[in-house]
Amino acid sequence: MKTIEKKINLSDVGVGVGQVGTAVNDEVAKVSLGIGGVVTGIIGLWAVVCMVGGLAKGGVVEIIKGYITAITG
């Protein structure tokens, strides 16, 4: 029985050297966007918790009064 040995080049399977780097960059971008989305969600949740805490402590009128005072000085 005779065995045939052939080296496979990346170009033979349709993947060039530049394409491998691009695939890695795409995955890094996906992970970065995912992390950014999670951080954004956490910040938004924290904002809601702070707003609920402010409403529970002082009410709507106090929140509006504090907001106007913060803007006008």
PDB file of N, CA and C in Angstrom:
ATOM      1  N   MET A   1       0.837  -1.165   0.000  1.00  0.00           N
ATOM      2  CA  MET A   1       0.000   0.000   0.000  1.00  0.00           C
ATOM      3  C   MET A   1       0.890   1.239   0.000  1.00  0.00           C
ATOM      4  N   LYS A   2       0.523   2.194  -0.825  1.00  0.00           N
ATOM      5  CA  LYS A   2       1.326   3.390  -0.969  1.00  0.00           C
ATOM      6  C   LYS A   2       0.593   4.567  -0.322  1.00  0.00           C
ATOM      7  N   THR A   3       1.309   5.319   0.507  1.00  0.00           N
ATOM      8  CA  THR A   3       0.710   6.499   1.125  1.00  0.00           C
ATOM      9  C   THR A   3       1.138   7.747   0.371  1.00  0.00           C
ATOM     10  N   ILE A   4       0.212   8.651   0.266  1.00  0.00           N
ATOM     11  CA  ILE A   4       0.489   9.906  -0.419  1.00  0.00           C
ATOM     12  C   ILE A   4       0.527  11.001   0.635  1.00  0.00           C
ATOM     13  N   GLU A   5       1.602  11.733   0.605  1.00  0.00           N
ATOM     14  CA  GLU A   5       1.779  12.809   1.556  1.00  0.00           C
ATOM     15  C   GLU A   5       1.688  14.136   0.819  1.00  0.00           C
ATOM     16  N   LYS A   6       0.876  15.028   1.322  1.00  0.00           N
ATOM     17  CA  LYS A   6       0.756  16.342   0.704  1.00  0.00           C
ATOM     18  C   LYS A   6       0.643  17.382   1.809  1.00  0.00           C
ATOM     19  N   LYS A   7       1.433  18.404   1.669  1.00  0.00           N
ATOM     20  CA  LYS A   7       1.351  19.505   2.613  1.00  0.00           C
ATOM     21  C   LYS A   7       0.215  20.419   2.163  1.00  0.00           C
ATOM     22  N   ILE A   8      -0.592  20.829   3.113  1.00  0.00           N
ATOM     23  CA  ILE A   8      -1.720  21.693   2.798  1.00  0.00           C
ATOM     24  C   ILE A   8      -1.327  23.136   3.095  1.00  0.00           C
ATOM     25  N   ASN A   9      -1.430  23.948   2.091  1.00  0.00           N
ATOM     26  CA  ASN A   9      -1.196  25.378   2.262  1.00  0.00           C
ATOM     27  C   ASN A   9      -2.500  26.041   2.681  1.00  0.00           C
ATOM     28  N   LEU A  10      -2.382  27.123   3.421  1.00  0.00           N
ATOM     29  CA  LEU A  10      -3.590  27.838   3.814  1.00  0.00           C
ATOM     30  C   LEU A  10      -4.350  28.352   2.606  1.00  0.00           C
ATOM     31  N   SER A  11      -3.618  28.664   1.543  1.00  0.00           N
ATOM     32  CA  SER A  11      -4.291  29.162   0.338  1.00  0.00           C
ATOM     33  C   SER A  11      -5.087  28.052  -0.347  1.00  0.00           C
ATOM     34  N   ASP A  12      -4.745  26.792  -0.112  1.00  0.00           N
ATOM     35  CA  ASP A  12      -5.484  25.674  -0.697  1.00  0.00           C
ATOM     36  C   ASP A  12      -6.887  25.545  -0.102  1.00  0.00           C
ATOM     37  N   VAL A  13      -7.042  25.938   1.139  1.00  0.00           N
ATOM     38  CA  VAL A  13      -8.351  25.825   1.787  1.00  0.00           C
ATOM     39  C   VAL A  13      -9.092  27.150   1.815  1.00  0.00           C
ATOM     40  N   GLY A  14      -8.585  28.126   1.104  1.00  0.00           N
ATOM     41  CA  GLY A  14      -9.269  29.405   0.983  1.00  0.00           C
ATOM     42  C   GLY A  14      -9.010  30.366   2.121  1.00  0.00           C
ATOM     43  N   VAL A  15      -7.955  30.119   2.886  1.00  0.00           N
ATOM     44  CA  VAL A  15      -7.629  31.009   3.991  1.00  0.00           C
ATOM     45  C   VAL A  15      -6.226  31.542   3.757  1.00  0.00           C
ATOM     46  N   GLY A  16      -6.140  32.815   3.532  1.00  0.00           N
ATOM     47  CA  GLY A  16      -4.835  33.442   3.359  1.00  0.00           C
ATOM     48  C   GLY A  16      -4.309  33.923   4.689  1.00  0.00           C
ATOM     49  N   VAL A  17      -3.043  34.256   4.713  1.00  0.00           N
ATOM     50  CA  VAL A  17      -2.429  34.712   5.960  1.00  0.00           C
ATOM     51  C   VAL A  17      -3.126  35.971   6.465  1.00  0.00           C
ATOM     52  N   GLY A  18      -3.474  36.892   5.578  1.00  0.00           N
ATOM     53  CA  GLY A  18      -4.182  38.104   5.980  1.00  0.00           C
ATOM     54  C   GLY A  18      -5.555  37.801   6.538  1.00  0.00           C
ATOM     55  N   GLN A  19      -6.197  36.759   6.031  1.00  0.00           N
ATOM     56  CA  GLN A  19      -7.534  36.407   6.488  1.00  0.00           C
ATOM     57  C   GLN A  19      -7.509  35.823   7.894  1.00  0.00           C
ATOM     58  N   VAL A  20      -6.450  35.134   8.247  1.00  0.00           N
ATOM     59  CA  VAL A  20      -6.342  34.593   9.606  1.00  0.00           C
ATOM     60  C   VAL A  20      -6.263  35.739  10.604  1.00  0.00           C
ATOM     61  N   GLY A  21      -5.448  36.755  10.306  1.00  0.00           N
ATOM     62  CA  GLY A  21      -5.349  37.921  11.170  1.00  0.00           C
ATOM     63  C   GLY A  21      -6.667  38.659  11.258  1.00  0.00           C
ATOM     64  N   THR A  22      -7.383  38.724  10.150  1.00  0.00           N
ATOM     65  CA  THR A  22      -8.685  39.393  10.131  1.00  0.00           C
ATOM     66  C   THR A  22      -9.679  38.643  11.009  1.00  0.00           C
ATOM     67  N   ALA A  23      -9.648  37.318  10.969  1.00  0.00           N
ATOM     68  CA  ALA A  23     -10.554  36.521  11.801  1.00  0.00           C
ATOM     69  C   ALA A  23     -10.287  36.781  13.286  1.00  0.00           C
ATOM     70  N   VAL A  24      -9.029  36.879  13.653  1.00  0.00           N
ATOM     71  CA  VAL A  24      -8.680  37.157  15.048  1.00  0.00           C
ATOM     72  C   VAL A  24      -9.161  38.554  15.425  1.00  0.00           C
ATOM     73  N   ASN A  25      -8.951  39.518  14.536  1.00  0.00           N
ATOM     74  CA  ASN A  25      -9.413  40.883  14.810  1.00  0.00           C
ATOM     75  C   ASN A  25     -10.927  40.931  14.964  1.00  0.00           C
ATOM     76  N   ASP A  26     -11.645  40.168  14.155  1.00  0.00           N
ATOM     77  CA  ASP A  26     -13.107  40.123  14.263  1.00  0.00           C
ATOM     78  C   ASP A  26     -13.543  39.580  15.617  1.00  0.00           C
ATOM     79  N   GLU A  27     -12.884  38.541  16.072  1.00  0.00           N
ATOM     80  CA  GLU A  27     -13.237  37.947  17.370  1.00  0.00           C
ATOM     81  C   GLU A  27     -12.927  38.908  18.506  1.00  0.00           C
ATOM     82  N   VAL A  28     -11.800  39.589  18.423  1.00  0.00           N
ATOM     83  CA  VAL A  28     -11.440  40.570  19.453  1.00  0.00           C
ATOM     84  C   VAL A  28     -12.479  41.689  19.477  1.00  0.00           C
ATOM     85  N   ALA A  29     -12.918  42.127  18.300  1.00  0.00           N
ATOM     86  CA  ALA A  29     -13.930  43.181  18.221  1.00  0.00           C
ATOM     87  C   ALA A  29     -15.250  42.710  18.831  1.00  0.00           C
ATOM     88  N   LYS A  30     -15.631  41.466  18.573  1.00  0.00           N
ATOM     89  CA  LYS A  30     -16.874  40.933  19.137  1.00  0.00           C
ATOM     90  C   LYS A  30     -16.812  40.888  20.659  1.00  0.00           C
ATOM     91  N   VAL A  31     -15.680  40.445  21.191  1.00  0.00           N
ATOM     92  CA  VAL A  31     -15.520  40.373  22.648  1.00  0.00           C
ATOM     93  C   VAL A  31     -15.539  41.780  23.246  1.00  0.00           C
ATOM     94  N   SER A  32     -14.868  42.713  22.586  1.00  0.00           N
ATOM     95  CA  SER A  32     -14.837  44.092  23.077  1.00  0.00           C
ATOM     96  C   SER A  32     -16.243  44.696  23.096  1.00  0.00           C
ATOM     97  N   LEU A  33     -17.007  44.467  22.046  1.00  0.00           N
ATOM     98  CA  LEU A  33     -18.378  44.973  22.013  1.00  0.00           C
ATOM     99  C   LEU A  33     -19.235  44.325  23.100  1.00  0.00           C
ATOM    100  N   GLY A  34     -19.018  43.043  23.327  1.00  0.00           N
ATOM    101  CA  GLY A  34     -19.765  42.355  24.387  1.00  0.00           C
ATOM    102  C   GLY A  34     -19.454  42.925  25.755  1.00  0.00           C
ATOM    103  N   ILE A  35     -18.177  43.150  26.023  1.00  0.00           N
ATOM    104  CA  ILE A  35     -17.770  43.722  27.309  1.00  0.00           C
ATOM    105  C   ILE A  35     -18.336  45.127  27.450  1.00  0.00           C
ATOM    106  N   GLY A  36     -18.267  45.905  26.364  1.00  0.00           N
ATOM    107  CA  GLY A  36     -18.836  47.259  26.396  1.00  0.00           C
ATOM    108  C   GLY A  36     -20.323  47.242  26.682  1.00  0.00           C
ATOM    109  N   GLY A  37     -21.024  46.287  26.103  1.00  0.00           N
ATOM    110  CA  GLY A  37     -22.470  46.169  26.353  1.00  0.00           C
ATOM    111  C   GLY A  37     -22.769  45.812  27.793  1.00  0.00           C
ATOM    112  N   VAL A  38     -21.994  44.929  28.361  1.00  0.00           N
ATOM    113  CA  VAL A  38     -22.201  44.531  29.763  1.00  0.00           C
ATOM    114  C   VAL A  38     -21.930  45.711  30.692  1.00  0.00           C
ATOM    115  N   VAL A  39     -20.841  46.434  30.439  1.00  0.00           N
ATOM    116  CA  VAL A  39     -20.507  47.594  31.276  1.00  0.00           C
ATOM    117  C   VAL A  39     -21.597  48.658  31.172  1.00  0.00           C
ATOM    118  N   THR A  40     -22.093  48.887  29.954  1.00  0.00           N
ATOM    119  CA  THR A  40     -23.174  49.849  29.764  1.00  0.00           C
ATOM    120  C   THR A  40     -24.420  49.437  30.535  1.00  0.00           C
ATOM    121  N   GLY A  41     -24.740  48.159  30.506  1.00  0.00           N
ATOM    122  CA  GLY A  41     -25.890  47.662  31.256  1.00  0.00           C
ATOM    123  C   GLY A  41     -25.733  47.854  32.754  1.00  0.00           C
ATOM    124  N   ILE A  42     -24.543  47.606  33.262  1.00  0.00           N
ATOM    125  CA  ILE A  42     -24.285  47.773  34.700  1.00  0.00           C
ATOM    126  C   ILE A  42     -24.427  49.244  35.090  1.00  0.00           C
ATOM    127  N   ILE A  43     -23.888  50.144  34.259  1.00  0.00           N
ATOM    128  CA  ILE A  43     -23.992  51.581  34.553  1.00  0.00           C
ATOM    129  C   ILE A  43     -25.459  52.020  34.525  1.00  0.00           C
ATOM    130  N   GLY A  44     -26.207  51.537  33.550  1.00  0.00           N
ATOM    131  CA  GLY A  44     -27.634  51.874  33.471  1.00  0.00           C
ATOM    132  C   GLY A  44     -28.405  51.365  34.675  1.00  0.00           C
ATOM    133  N   LEU A  45     -28.107  50.153  35.095  1.00  0.00           N
ATOM    134  CA  LEU A  45     -28.760  49.593  36.275  1.00  0.00           C
ATOM    135  C   LEU A  45     -28.433  50.411  37.520  1.00  0.00           C
ATOM    136  N   TRP A  46     -27.177  50.821  37.654  1.00  0.00           N
ATOM    137  CA  TRP A  46     -26.765  51.640  38.786  1.00  0.00           C
ATOM    138  C   TRP A  46     -27.519  52.975  38.780  1.00  0.00           C
ATOM    139  N   ALA A  47     -27.712  53.569  37.599  1.00  0.00           N
ATOM    140  CA  ALA A  47     -28.448  54.830  37.493  1.00  0.00           C
ATOM    141  C   ALA A  47     -29.895  54.655  37.950  1.00  0.00           C
ATOM    142  N   VAL A  48     -30.518  53.555  37.570  1.00  0.00           N
ATOM    143  CA  VAL A  48     -31.898  53.294  37.976  1.00  0.00           C
ATOM    144  C   VAL A  48     -31.984  53.104  39.489  1.00  0.00           C
ATOM    145  N   VAL A  49     -31.040  52.377  40.047  1.00  0.00           N
ATOM    146  CA  VAL A  49     -31.030  52.149  41.498  1.00  0.00           C
ATOM    147  C   VAL A  49     -30.860  53.470  42.235  1.00  0.00           C
ATOM    148  N   CYS A  50     -29.978  54.345  41.733  1.00  0.00           N
ATOM    149  CA  CYS A  50     -29.778  55.647  42.374  1.00  0.00           C
ATOM    150  C   CYS A  50     -31.033  56.500  42.282  1.00  0.00           C
ATOM    151  N   MET A  51     -31.712  56.464  41.149  1.00  0.00           N
ATOM    152  CA  MET A  51     -32.939  57.242  40.974  1.00  0.00           C
ATOM    153  C   MET A  51     -34.034  56.735  41.925  1.00  0.00           C
ATOM    154  N   VAL A  52     -34.160  55.445  42.040  1.00  0.00           N
ATOM    155  CA  VAL A  52     -35.162  54.879  42.955  1.00  0.00           C
ATOM    156  C   VAL A  52     -34.819  55.248  44.401  1.00  0.00           C
ATOM    157  N   GLY A  53     -33.543  55.204  44.738  1.00  0.00           N
ATOM    158  CA  GLY A  53     -33.127  55.591  46.087  1.00  0.00           C
ATOM    159  C   GLY A  53     -33.422  57.055  46.379  1.00  0.00           C
ATOM    160  N   GLY A  54     -33.180  57.912  45.392  1.00  0.00           N
ATOM    161  CA  GLY A  54     -33.479  59.331  45.566  1.00  0.00           C
ATOM    162  C   GLY A  54     -34.964  59.582  45.698  1.00  0.00           C
ATOM    163  N   LEU A  55     -35.760  58.871  44.907  1.00  0.00           N
ATOM    164  CA  LEU A  55     -37.215  59.017  45.010  1.00  0.00           C
ATOM    165  C   LEU A  55     -37.728  58.529  46.355  1.00  0.00           C
ATOM    166  N   ALA A  56     -37.152  57.445  46.845  1.00  0.00           N
ATOM    167  CA  ALA A  56     -37.590  56.902  48.134  1.00  0.00           C
ATOM    168  C   ALA A  56     -37.229  57.834  49.285  1.00  0.00           C
ATOM    169  N   LYS A  57     -36.094  58.515  49.172  1.00  0.00           N
ATOM    170  CA  LYS A  57     -35.640  59.375  50.264  1.00  0.00           C
ATOM    171  C   LYS A  57     -36.338  60.728  50.282  1.00  0.00           C
ATOM    172  N   GLY A  58     -36.425  61.387  49.092  1.00  0.00           N
ATOM    173  CA  GLY A  58     -36.927  62.746  49.107  1.00  0.00           C
ATOM    174  C   GLY A  58     -38.165  62.990  48.276  1.00  0.00           C
ATOM    175  N   GLY A  59     -38.460  62.120  47.359  1.00  0.00           N
ATOM    176  CA  GLY A  59     -39.617  62.303  46.505  1.00  0.00           C
ATOM    177  C   GLY A  59     -39.267  63.063  45.230  1.00  0.00           C
ATOM    178  N   VAL A  60     -40.280  63.202  44.388  1.00  0.00           N
ATOM    179  CA  VAL A  60     -40.093  63.808  43.074  1.00  0.00           C
ATOM    180  C   VAL A  60     -39.724  65.285  43.197  1.00  0.00           C
ATOM    181  N   VAL A  61     -40.376  65.986  44.083  1.00  0.00           N
ATOM    182  CA  VAL A  61     -40.136  67.422  44.239  1.00  0.00           C
ATOM    183  C   VAL A  61     -38.694  67.684  44.656  1.00  0.00           C
ATOM    184  N   GLU A  62     -38.187  66.921  45.592  1.00  0.00           N
ATOM    185  CA  GLU A  62     -36.798  67.090  46.035  1.00  0.00           C
ATOM    186  C   GLU A  62     -35.803  66.766  44.918  1.00  0.00           C
ATOM    187  N   ILE A  63     -36.116  65.763  44.116  1.00  0.00           N
ATOM    188  CA  ILE A  63     -35.230  65.413  42.994  1.00  0.00           C
ATOM    189  C   ILE A  63     -35.177  66.571  42.004  1.00  0.00           C
ATOM    190  N   ILE A  64     -36.329  67.134  41.656  1.00  0.00           N
ATOM    191  CA  ILE A  64     -36.379  68.242  40.700  1.00  0.00           C
ATOM    192  C   ILE A  64     -35.692  69.475  41.282  1.00  0.00           C
ATOM    193  N   LYS A  65     -35.945  69.760  42.556  1.00  0.00           N
ATOM    194  CA  LYS A  65     -35.306  70.902  43.215  1.00  0.00           C
ATOM    195  C   LYS A  65     -33.780  70.740  43.226  1.00  0.00           C
ATOM    196  N   GLY A  66     -33.309  69.559  43.552  1.00  0.00           N
ATOM    197  CA  GLY A  66     -31.869  69.298  43.563  1.00  0.00           C
ATOM    198  C   GLY A  66     -31.260  69.413  42.170  1.00  0.00           C
ATOM    199  N   TYR A  67     -31.991  68.973  41.148  1.00  0.00           N
ATOM    200  CA  TYR A  67     -31.516  69.047  39.764  1.00  0.00           C
ATOM    201  C   TYR A  67     -31.374  70.502  39.327  1.00  0.00           C
ATOM    202  N   ILE A  68     -32.391  71.315  39.639  1.00  0.00           N
ATOM    203  CA  ILE A  68     -32.348  72.737  39.273  1.00  0.00           C
ATOM    204  C   ILE A  68     -31.232  73.446  40.031  1.00  0.00           C
ATOM    205  N   THR A  69     -31.069  73.114  41.291  1.00  0.00           N
ATOM    206  CA  THR A  69     -29.994  73.714  42.091  1.00  0.00           C
ATOM    207  C   THR A  69     -28.622  73.333  41.526  1.00  0.00           C
ATOM    208  N   ALA A  70     -28.463  72.103  41.081  1.00  0.00           N
ATOM    209  CA  ALA A  70     -27.190  71.654  40.519  1.00  0.00           C
ATOM    210  C   ALA A  70     -26.859  72.398  39.233  1.00  0.00           C
ATOM    211  N   ILE A  71     -27.871  72.699  38.433  1.00  0.00           N
ATOM    212  CA  ILE A  71     -27.645  73.398  37.159  1.00  0.00           C
ATOM    213  C   ILE A  71     -27.383  74.890  37.384  1.00  0.00           C
ATOM    214  N   THR A  72     -28.182  75.514  38.229  1.00  0.00           N
ATOM    215  CA  THR A  72     -28.077  76.972  38.397  1.00  0.00           C
ATOM    216  C   THR A  72     -27.035  77.377  39.425  1.00  0.00           C
ATOM    217  N   GLY A  73     -26.704  76.500  40.322  1.00  0.00           N
ATOM    218  CA  GLY A  73     -25.670  76.805  41.299  1.00  0.00           C
ATOM    219  C   GLY A  73     -26.165  77.294  42.552  1.00  0.00           C
TER     220      GLY A  73
END
